[in-house]
Amino acid sequence: MEDKELQQRFHLLHQEVEAAVSLVEDVKLNCKTATDALKIEIEILRRFMERYHPDFARRYPELRAEVVQEVDPEWMDLGTPPPS
């Protein structure tokens, strides 16, 4: 292969890598934004539960252990109520 052709291929590969890095950075930022929004929602729910259900803090560890055993987050559909 000629030197000029190699340089062109290297340049194109470099552009592809830069584009991929840019996409990864965008995804990372979007994930951080979504995570921060979830943290806020969780804090709202925690405060609500502590105010209106005084025994929430005491019962939380038991409830958490139960949910960890029963719920697979990858199969959760947040738009539907949990099975009864």
C-alpha atoms as a PDB file:
ATOM      1  CA  MET A   1       0.000   0.000   0.000  1.00  0.00           C
ATOM      2  CA  GLU A   2       1.175   3.465  -0.723  1.00  0.00           C
ATOM      3  CA  ASP A   3       2.095   5.831   2.063  1.00  0.00           C
ATOM      4  CA  LYS A   4      -0.587   8.315   0.986  1.00  0.00           C
ATOM      5  CA  GLU A   5      -3.288   5.622   1.040  1.00  0.00           C
ATOM      6  CA  LEU A   6      -2.177   4.482   4.495  1.00  0.00           C
ATOM      7  CA  GLN A   7      -2.292   8.055   5.756  1.00  0.00           C
ATOM      8  CA  GLN A   8      -5.803   8.489   4.385  1.00  0.00           C
ATOM      9  CA  ARG A   9      -6.989   5.235   5.966  1.00  0.00           C
ATOM     10  CA  PHE A  10      -5.382   6.231   9.259  1.00  0.00           C
ATOM     11  CA  HIS A  11      -7.087   9.629   9.080  1.00  0.00           C
ATOM     12  CA  LEU A  12     -10.492   7.997   8.450  1.00  0.00           C
ATOM     13  CA  LEU A  13      -9.943   5.547  11.291  1.00  0.00           C
ATOM     14  CA  HIS A  14      -8.960   8.429  13.565  1.00  0.00           C
ATOM     15  CA  GLN A  15     -12.196  10.263  12.656  1.00  0.00           C
ATOM     16  CA  GLU A  16     -14.240   7.136  13.408  1.00  0.00           C
ATOM     17  CA  VAL A  17     -12.576   6.781  16.802  1.00  0.00           C
ATOM     18  CA  GLU A  18     -13.231  10.451  17.605  1.00  0.00           C
ATOM     19  CA  ALA A  19     -16.896  10.037  16.618  1.00  0.00           C
ATOM     20  CA  ALA A  20     -17.202   6.927  18.798  1.00  0.00           C
ATOM     21  CA  VAL A  21     -15.596   8.718  21.751  1.00  0.00           C
ATOM     22  CA  SER A  22     -18.018  11.609  21.315  1.00  0.00           C
ATOM     23  CA  LEU A  23     -20.992   9.226  21.322  1.00  0.00           C
ATOM     24  CA  VAL A  24     -19.706   7.461  24.433  1.00  0.00           C
ATOM     25  CA  GLU A  25     -19.296  10.800  26.210  1.00  0.00           C
ATOM     26  CA  ASP A  26     -22.876  11.747  25.257  1.00  0.00           C
ATOM     27  CA  VAL A  27     -24.197   8.430  26.553  1.00  0.00           C
ATOM     28  CA  LYS A  28     -22.211   8.842  29.764  1.00  0.00           C
ATOM     29  CA  LEU A  29     -23.652  12.326  30.294  1.00  0.00           C
ATOM     30  CA  ASN A  30     -27.185  11.083  29.582  1.00  0.00           C
ATOM     31  CA  CYS A  31     -26.727   8.238  32.072  1.00  0.00           C
ATOM     32  CA  LYS A  32     -25.453  10.638  34.727  1.00  0.00           C
ATOM     33  CA  THR A  33     -28.408  12.950  34.133  1.00  0.00           C
ATOM     34  CA  ALA A  34     -30.856  10.046  34.396  1.00  0.00           C
ATOM     35  CA  THR A  35     -29.119   8.754  37.528  1.00  0.00           C
ATOM     36  CA  ASP A  36     -29.287  12.181  39.168  1.00  0.00           C
ATOM     37  CA  ALA A  37     -33.002  12.429  38.342  1.00  0.00           C
ATOM     38  CA  LEU A  38     -33.583   9.000  39.911  1.00  0.00           C
ATOM     39  CA  LYS A  39     -31.652  10.021  43.026  1.00  0.00           C
ATOM     40  CA  ILE A  40     -33.951  13.026  43.431  1.00  0.00           C
ATOM     41  CA  GLU A  41     -37.079  10.895  42.959  1.00  0.00           C
ATOM     42  CA  ILE A  42     -35.813   8.347  45.486  1.00  0.00           C
ATOM     43  CA  GLU A  43     -35.098  11.087  48.022  1.00  0.00           C
ATOM     44  CA  ILE A  44     -38.615  12.467  47.529  1.00  0.00           C
ATOM     45  CA  LEU A  45     -40.106   9.026  48.135  1.00  0.00           C
ATOM     46  CA  ARG A  46     -37.891   8.436  51.182  1.00  0.00           C
ATOM     47  CA  ARG A  47     -38.941  11.723  52.773  1.00  0.00           C
ATOM     48  CA  PHE A  48     -42.595  11.087  52.007  1.00  0.00           C
ATOM     49  CA  MET A  49     -42.443   7.640  53.560  1.00  0.00           C
ATOM     50  CA  GLU A  50     -40.655   8.900  56.669  1.00  0.00           C
ATOM     51  CA  ARG A  51     -43.233  11.677  57.157  1.00  0.00           C
ATOM     52  CA  TYR A  52     -46.399   9.699  56.578  1.00  0.00           C
ATOM     53  CA  HIS A  53     -45.266   6.261  57.740  1.00  0.00           C
ATOM     54  CA  PRO A  54     -43.178   6.769  60.883  1.00  0.00           C
ATOM     55  CA  ASP A  55     -42.100   3.116  61.059  1.00  0.00           C
ATOM     56  CA  PHE A  56     -40.718   3.199  57.506  1.00  0.00           C
ATOM     57  CA  ALA A  57     -37.065   3.530  58.580  1.00  0.00           C
ATOM     58  CA  ARG A  58     -37.432   0.554  60.913  1.00  0.00           C
ATOM     59  CA  ARG A  59     -39.168  -1.635  58.300  1.00  0.00           C
ATOM     60  CA  TYR A  60     -37.066  -0.575  55.309  1.00  0.00           C
ATOM     61  CA  PRO A  61     -34.266  -3.177  55.658  1.00  0.00           C
ATOM     62  CA  GLU A  62     -36.794  -6.020  55.709  1.00  0.00           C
ATOM     63  CA  LEU A  63     -38.697  -4.604  52.737  1.00  0.00           C
ATOM     64  CA  ARG A  64     -35.469  -4.055  50.810  1.00  0.00           C
ATOM     65  CA  ALA A  65     -34.324  -7.642  51.389  1.00  0.00           C
ATOM     66  CA  GLU A  66     -37.716  -8.889  50.197  1.00  0.00           C
ATOM     67  CA  VAL A  67     -37.655  -6.800  47.022  1.00  0.00           C
ATOM     68  CA  VAL A  68     -34.047  -7.736  46.212  1.00  0.00           C
ATOM     69  CA  GLN A  69     -35.061 -11.407  46.339  1.00  0.00           C
ATOM     70  CA  GLU A  70     -38.295 -11.024  44.355  1.00  0.00           C
ATOM     71  CA  VAL A  71     -37.656  -8.350  41.736  1.00  0.00           C
ATOM     72  CA  ASP A  72     -35.408  -8.525  38.679  1.00  0.00           C
ATOM     73  CA  PRO A  73     -34.895  -4.881  37.639  1.00  0.00           C
ATOM     74  CA  GLU A  74     -34.153  -5.899  34.057  1.00  0.00           C
ATOM     75  CA  TRP A  75     -37.672  -7.292  33.739  1.00  0.00           C
ATOM     76  CA  MET A  76     -39.474  -4.422  35.464  1.00  0.00           C
ATOM     77  CA  ASP A  77     -41.964  -2.448  33.439  1.00  0.00           C
ATOM     78  CA  LEU A  78     -42.455   0.814  35.302  1.00  0.00           C
ATOM     79  CA  GLY A  79     -45.697   1.503  33.455  1.00  0.00           C
ATOM     80  CA  THR A  80     -47.540  -1.454  34.934  1.00  0.00           C
ATOM     81  CA  PRO A  81     -48.430  -2.202  38.544  1.00  0.00           C
ATOM     82  CA  PRO A  82     -46.609  -5.088  40.245  1.00  0.00           C
ATOM     83  CA  PRO A  83     -48.360  -8.459  40.379  1.00  0.00           C
ATOM     84  CA  SER A  84     -50.520  -8.993  43.437  1.00  0.00           C
END
